[in-house]
Each structure stands twice: as C-alpha cells, then as structure tokens.
Amino acid sequence: MARRMLVWLGALAVAVAMTSPVRAQTEAPPPATAKPPALSTQDLAFGRFIALIRAHLATGDELVAQGQWAAAVPHFGFPTEEIYGVIRDQVRIYNTPPFDYALKALARAVKAHDAKQFPALRQKVDTALAAADAGLKARQPNWPRFTLAVAIAVLKSAPDEYDDAVAKGRVVRPIGYQTARGFVLQADRMVESVAGELGAGNAAALAEIRAGLLPLKSAFASVVAPKEAALTDATFTAAVEKIEQAAAPLI
C-alpha cells in the first residue's frame, strides 16, 4: 500500500512537472498599459502664456479691489510687456481674436485709476482669454491631463520670481512676491478646475498635489507682501519639485 502510494505520488509529480510549463506558456500575459501620446509643446507653451496672463490679471484685480491702483499697475502691464509679443503670431491658430489693444486699454485705465471703465475693459480681455481656452480645448483629447500639465508649468515659473523677491529672509521686492503668489494661485485654480476627473484617475496623486499646494497657499495668504518671508528659496523650490513629482503619474 505504502509502495503504491509512493509510486502514485511520483507519477503525479512527473505529470505536474510536464504540464506546468505548457500551462505557463499558454497563459496570456497581462495587458500592457498604453502610454499616452506626448502633449504638444506648442499647445503647452501657448496654454502656459495664457495662464500667466490670467495670473497677473488676478493679482491686479485683488489690488484694485483694495484700492491699491498704483500697486496694481505693473501686474496689468506685464501681459503686454512680457507675454503678448511672444504669442502674437499664434493667437489665430487657437481661433482667438487679437487682444493686445484690449490689454493696453485695460492697463491705461488702471494707471488712470479709472474705476468706471475698468469693468468693461476687463471683460473684453476675459472674452479673449475664454476664446484662447476654447481653442486649446478643441485640440486636446484629454483636457484634464493638459490642464494639469500647464498648471505645473505655471507653478515652476514661481520660484524664480520668489528668489528675486526675497533676500536674507526678507521680502525686498513686493512685485516679485505678488507675481510668485499669482502663479501659485493660478496653478491651484487650474488643478481644482479638473480635480474631479483627475481624482477619478488617481485619487492618491491628486491628494498629494493638493497637500503640496496647501503650505504654498498659506505662505502667500495676503496679496500685500509681508516684511518677513514665510519660506526660504530652497524650501519653495523643493515644494514645487515635490508637487511636480506627484503630478507625473497623471501627465
């Protein structure tokens, strides 16, 4: 009995050894995750410039709302002085009407402290920016992914502005502080605008992005620059890099 059992076990072992490799060969490998196509560098660049314009104008809006017209002037001037010339020849690609005259008229109204004309002129610029967004969106198969990529590009522009604003732990250039703040808040708005879709794809990554943005938003609580800097240059840069890493799986 014992001998027959040993013979049977031996035969079973041989059978398993013979059939296992065959079964392994016939099993289908797990499907590979398709890598999404690379985003258009032209679209990313244009989207970033439009977002930077929005950031500057939003900062200016806050200062105007507080009656700080003089402090708002540079932020309404930057879109024309530093950005529009770069995208002038691209706006038609994105079905956007030229809006350099609207930007200049708005900047002149702010310089003149013209509260009466300001709302209508601001609306003209907003209409053009909305057209730019629509033109970009029509070209993107995955708008949340694209929006996040642009948000990260905007956020990565903030440390240089902050570095220029801070010296020896003190804010010595309020305009640089306000510009860095505007970029952080614009990136945050963009993330939140597509948070539902991003969270559905990777809730953990979205949570990490939000967690990284929270201390940056706290450090820029007021549009009025504080005397003492809440963050060092190195800490700010490291925080931005961490957010970029968190966003990578979603881009």
Protein backbone atom coordinates (compact mmCIF):
# COMPACT_ATOMS: atom_id res chain seq x y z
CA MET A 1 0.00 0.00 0.00
CA ALA A 2 2.71 2.38 1.03
CA ARG A 3 4.73 1.46 -2.04
CA ARG A 4 1.77 2.05 -4.39
CA MET A 5 1.20 5.43 -2.75
CA LEU A 6 4.81 6.39 -3.35
CA VAL A 7 4.59 5.32 -6.99
CA TRP A 8 1.36 7.34 -7.44
CA LEU A 9 2.88 10.44 -5.85
CA GLY A 10 5.92 10.10 -8.04
CA ALA A 11 3.79 9.84 -11.17
CA LEU A 12 1.77 12.87 -10.08
CA ALA A 13 4.93 14.89 -9.57
CA VAL A 14 6.13 13.98 -13.06
CA ALA A 15 2.77 14.91 -14.56
CA VAL A 16 2.76 18.29 -12.83
CA ALA A 17 6.31 18.96 -13.92
CA MET A 18 5.41 18.14 -17.51
CA THR A 19 2.19 20.15 -17.66
CA SER A 20 3.15 23.28 -15.71
CA PRO A 21 5.48 24.76 -18.34
CA VAL A 22 2.86 24.18 -21.03
CA ARG A 23 0.22 25.97 -18.95
CA ALA A 24 2.59 28.86 -18.29
CA GLN A 25 3.29 29.20 -21.99
CA THR A 26 -0.38 29.26 -22.94
CA GLU A 27 -1.45 31.82 -20.34
CA ALA A 28 -1.88 35.29 -21.85
CA PRO A 29 0.46 37.94 -20.41
CA PRO A 30 -1.19 40.83 -18.55
CA PRO A 31 -2.12 43.66 -20.90
CA ALA A 32 0.47 46.42 -21.08
CA THR A 33 -0.62 49.88 -20.03
CA ALA A 34 -0.63 52.11 -23.09
CA LYS A 35 1.47 55.22 -22.64
CA PRO A 36 -0.46 58.37 -23.61
CA PRO A 37 0.93 60.36 -26.51
CA ALA A 38 3.19 63.28 -25.71
CA LEU A 39 1.47 66.62 -25.32
CA SER A 40 2.11 69.24 -27.99
CA THR A 41 4.91 71.55 -26.90
CA GLN A 42 3.30 74.38 -28.87
CA ASP A 43 -0.03 73.90 -27.10
CA LEU A 44 1.69 73.68 -23.72
CA ALA A 45 3.65 76.86 -24.34
CA PHE A 46 0.59 78.80 -25.51
CA GLY A 47 -1.50 77.46 -22.64
CA ARG A 48 1.18 78.47 -20.16
CA PHE A 49 1.32 82.04 -21.50
CA ILE A 50 -2.46 82.38 -21.33
CA ALA A 51 -2.37 81.08 -17.75
CA LEU A 52 0.40 83.53 -16.83
CA ILE A 53 -1.70 86.39 -18.20
CA ARG A 54 -4.59 85.20 -16.05
CA ALA A 55 -2.30 85.05 -13.01
CA HIS A 56 -1.07 88.62 -13.49
CA LEU A 57 -4.58 89.97 -14.02
CA ALA A 58 -5.95 88.11 -10.99
CA THR A 59 -3.25 89.67 -8.83
CA GLY A 60 -4.06 93.08 -10.25
CA ASP A 61 -7.76 92.52 -9.61
CA GLU A 62 -7.09 91.89 -5.91
CA LEU A 63 -5.06 95.07 -5.60
CA VAL A 64 -7.68 97.13 -7.45
CA ALA A 65 -10.37 95.73 -5.17
CA GLN A 66 -8.36 97.04 -2.22
CA GLY A 67 -7.98 100.43 -3.85
CA GLN A 68 -4.26 99.90 -4.45
CA TRP A 69 -4.27 101.09 -8.05
CA ALA A 70 -0.62 102.09 -8.15
CA ALA A 71 0.49 98.67 -6.90
CA ALA A 72 -1.77 97.02 -9.49
CA VAL A 73 -0.28 98.88 -12.47
CA PRO A 74 2.73 96.56 -13.04
CA HIS A 75 0.55 93.44 -12.98
CA PHE A 76 -1.71 94.82 -15.71
CA GLY A 77 1.34 95.87 -17.68
CA PHE A 78 3.21 92.55 -17.61
CA PRO A 79 0.84 90.75 -20.04
CA THR A 80 1.59 93.30 -22.76
CA GLU A 81 5.22 93.99 -21.91
CA GLU A 82 6.41 90.42 -21.35
CA ILE A 83 3.94 87.96 -22.87
CA TYR A 84 1.73 89.12 -25.72
CA GLY A 85 4.61 89.78 -28.08
CA VAL A 86 5.61 86.12 -27.79
CA ILE A 87 2.15 84.78 -28.68
CA ARG A 88 1.07 87.49 -31.12
CA ASP A 89 1.55 85.25 -34.17
CA GLN A 90 -0.09 82.23 -32.51
CA VAL A 91 -3.44 83.57 -31.35
CA ARG A 92 -5.08 82.91 -34.72
CA ILE A 93 -4.01 79.25 -34.55
CA TYR A 94 -6.25 78.97 -31.49
CA ASN A 95 -9.16 80.92 -33.01
CA THR A 96 -8.52 83.79 -30.62
CA PRO A 97 -9.12 87.39 -31.68
CA PRO A 98 -6.11 89.69 -31.21
CA PHE A 99 -6.36 91.27 -27.78
CA ASP A 100 -3.23 93.35 -27.39
CA TYR A 101 -5.26 96.56 -27.74
CA ALA A 102 -7.65 95.34 -25.05
CA LEU A 103 -4.73 94.62 -22.72
CA LYS A 104 -3.22 98.05 -23.35
CA ALA A 105 -6.54 99.83 -22.82
CA LEU A 106 -7.03 97.96 -19.55
CA ALA A 107 -3.53 98.86 -18.38
CA ARG A 108 -4.16 102.53 -19.21
CA ALA A 109 -7.40 102.50 -17.23
CA VAL A 110 -5.63 101.07 -14.20
CA LYS A 111 -2.87 103.64 -14.47
CA ALA A 112 -5.51 106.37 -14.58
CA HIS A 113 -7.39 104.81 -11.62
CA ASP A 114 -10.44 104.70 -13.89
CA ALA A 115 -12.89 102.64 -11.86
CA LYS A 116 -15.73 103.47 -14.26
CA GLN A 117 -14.12 101.99 -17.38
CA PHE A 118 -12.28 99.17 -15.64
CA PRO A 119 -15.07 96.50 -15.55
CA ALA A 120 -15.92 96.74 -19.27
CA LEU A 121 -12.28 96.72 -20.33
CA ARG A 122 -11.56 93.79 -18.04
CA GLN A 123 -14.47 91.89 -19.59
CA LYS A 124 -13.05 92.38 -23.09
CA VAL A 125 -9.81 90.74 -22.03
CA ASP A 126 -11.69 87.91 -20.30
CA THR A 127 -13.64 87.26 -23.50
CA ALA A 128 -10.41 86.91 -25.47
CA LEU A 129 -8.88 84.61 -22.84
CA ALA A 130 -12.00 82.44 -22.89
CA ALA A 131 -11.62 82.12 -26.67
CA ALA A 132 -8.00 81.06 -26.19
CA ASP A 133 -9.07 78.40 -23.70
CA ALA A 134 -11.71 77.13 -26.12
CA GLY A 135 -9.16 77.00 -28.93
CA LEU A 136 -6.80 74.99 -26.78
CA LYS A 137 -9.52 72.67 -25.53
CA ALA A 138 -10.59 71.81 -29.08
CA ARG A 139 -7.10 70.42 -29.71
CA GLN A 140 -6.83 68.27 -26.58
CA PRO A 141 -8.09 64.68 -26.40
CA ASN A 142 -7.63 64.80 -22.61
CA TRP A 143 -8.34 68.26 -21.22
CA PRO A 144 -7.75 67.42 -17.52
CA ARG A 145 -4.33 65.98 -18.32
CA PHE A 146 -3.41 69.03 -20.40
CA THR A 147 -4.70 71.46 -17.77
CA LEU A 148 -2.62 69.78 -15.08
CA ALA A 149 0.48 69.88 -17.28
CA VAL A 150 0.01 73.61 -17.87
CA ALA A 151 -0.64 74.19 -14.16
CA ILE A 152 2.66 72.53 -13.29
CA ALA A 153 4.45 74.65 -15.93
CA VAL A 154 2.97 77.79 -14.37
CA LEU A 155 3.93 76.66 -10.88
CA LYS A 156 7.51 76.01 -11.99
CA SER A 157 7.75 79.67 -13.02
CA ALA A 158 7.12 80.84 -9.45
CA PRO A 159 10.44 80.05 -7.70
CA ASP A 160 12.46 82.41 -9.91
CA GLU A 161 10.08 85.25 -9.08
CA TYR A 162 10.25 84.39 -5.40
CA ASP A 163 14.03 84.21 -5.47
CA ASP A 164 14.08 87.68 -6.99
CA ALA A 165 11.74 88.96 -4.27
CA VAL A 166 13.49 87.63 -1.18
CA ALA A 167 16.89 88.48 0.27
CA LYS A 168 18.21 87.36 3.65
CA GLY A 169 14.79 86.19 4.74
CA ARG A 170 13.05 89.45 3.93
CA VAL A 171 10.74 90.40 1.07
CA VAL A 172 12.65 93.20 -0.64
CA ARG A 173 10.68 93.27 -3.90
CA PRO A 174 6.91 93.10 -3.33
CA ILE A 175 6.17 92.81 -7.07
CA GLY A 176 8.17 89.58 -7.25
CA TYR A 177 6.35 88.22 -4.21
CA GLN A 178 2.98 89.09 -5.73
CA THR A 179 3.93 87.55 -9.07
CA ALA A 180 5.06 84.30 -7.46
CA ARG A 181 1.86 84.29 -5.42
CA GLY A 182 -0.21 84.81 -8.56
CA PHE A 183 1.44 81.84 -10.26
CA VAL A 184 0.85 79.58 -7.24
CA LEU A 185 -2.82 80.55 -7.00
CA GLN A 186 -3.35 80.20 -10.76
CA ALA A 187 -1.85 76.70 -10.69
CA ASP A 188 -4.13 75.82 -7.80
CA ARG A 189 -7.21 77.12 -9.63
CA MET A 190 -6.31 75.07 -12.68
CA VAL A 191 -5.84 71.89 -10.64
CA GLU A 192 -9.17 72.40 -8.89
CA SER A 193 -10.96 73.05 -12.20
CA VAL A 194 -10.25 69.44 -13.26
CA ALA A 195 -9.94 67.83 -9.83
CA GLY A 196 -12.98 65.59 -10.33
CA GLU A 197 -11.54 63.96 -13.43
CA LEU A 198 -8.01 63.76 -12.01
CA GLY A 199 -9.24 62.20 -8.78
CA ALA A 200 -11.16 59.56 -10.68
CA GLY A 201 -7.95 58.54 -12.42
CA ASN A 202 -5.62 58.64 -9.42
CA ALA A 203 -7.03 59.92 -6.16
CA ALA A 204 -3.74 59.43 -4.31
CA ALA A 205 -1.80 61.58 -6.76
CA LEU A 206 -4.40 64.35 -6.59
CA ALA A 207 -4.33 64.26 -2.80
CA GLU A 208 -0.54 64.59 -2.85
CA ILE A 209 -0.71 67.55 -5.25
CA ARG A 210 -3.25 69.30 -3.06
CA ALA A 211 -1.22 68.58 0.05
CA GLY A 212 1.83 70.11 -1.60
CA LEU A 213 -0.03 73.25 -2.66
CA LEU A 214 -1.57 73.87 0.75
CA PRO A 215 1.57 75.21 2.53
CA LEU A 216 2.42 77.35 -0.51
CA LYS A 217 -1.01 78.96 -0.45
CA SER A 218 -0.63 79.54 3.29
CA ALA A 219 2.73 81.21 2.73
CA PHE A 220 1.07 83.61 0.27
CA ALA A 221 -2.03 84.31 2.32
CA SER A 222 -2.10 88.03 1.51
CA VAL A 223 -1.54 89.89 -1.74
CA VAL A 224 0.21 92.54 0.37
CA ALA A 225 3.79 91.37 0.72
CA PRO A 226 4.91 90.72 4.29
CA LYS A 227 8.22 92.03 5.58
CA GLU A 228 9.47 88.58 6.56
CA ALA A 229 9.44 85.78 4.02
CA ALA A 230 7.45 82.73 5.12
CA LEU A 231 9.60 80.37 3.03
CA THR A 232 13.23 80.17 2.06
CA ASP A 233 14.07 79.98 -1.63
CA ALA A 234 15.24 76.40 -1.20
CA THR A 235 12.08 75.35 0.64
CA PHE A 236 9.87 76.91 -2.01
CA THR A 237 11.75 75.24 -4.86
CA ALA A 238 11.70 71.87 -3.11
CA ALA A 239 7.93 72.15 -2.56
CA VAL A 240 7.35 72.88 -6.24
CA GLU A 241 9.52 69.95 -7.28
CA LYS A 242 7.60 67.63 -4.97
CA ILE A 243 4.30 68.72 -6.49
CA GLU A 244 5.72 68.15 -9.97
CA GLN A 245 6.71 64.62 -8.99
CA ALA A 246 3.26 63.96 -7.55
CA ALA A 247 1.64 65.13 -10.77
CA ALA A 248 3.83 62.99 -13.04
CA PRO A 249 1.58 59.87 -13.00
CA LEU A 250 -1.36 61.97 -14.20
CA ILE A 251 0.56 63.61 -17.05
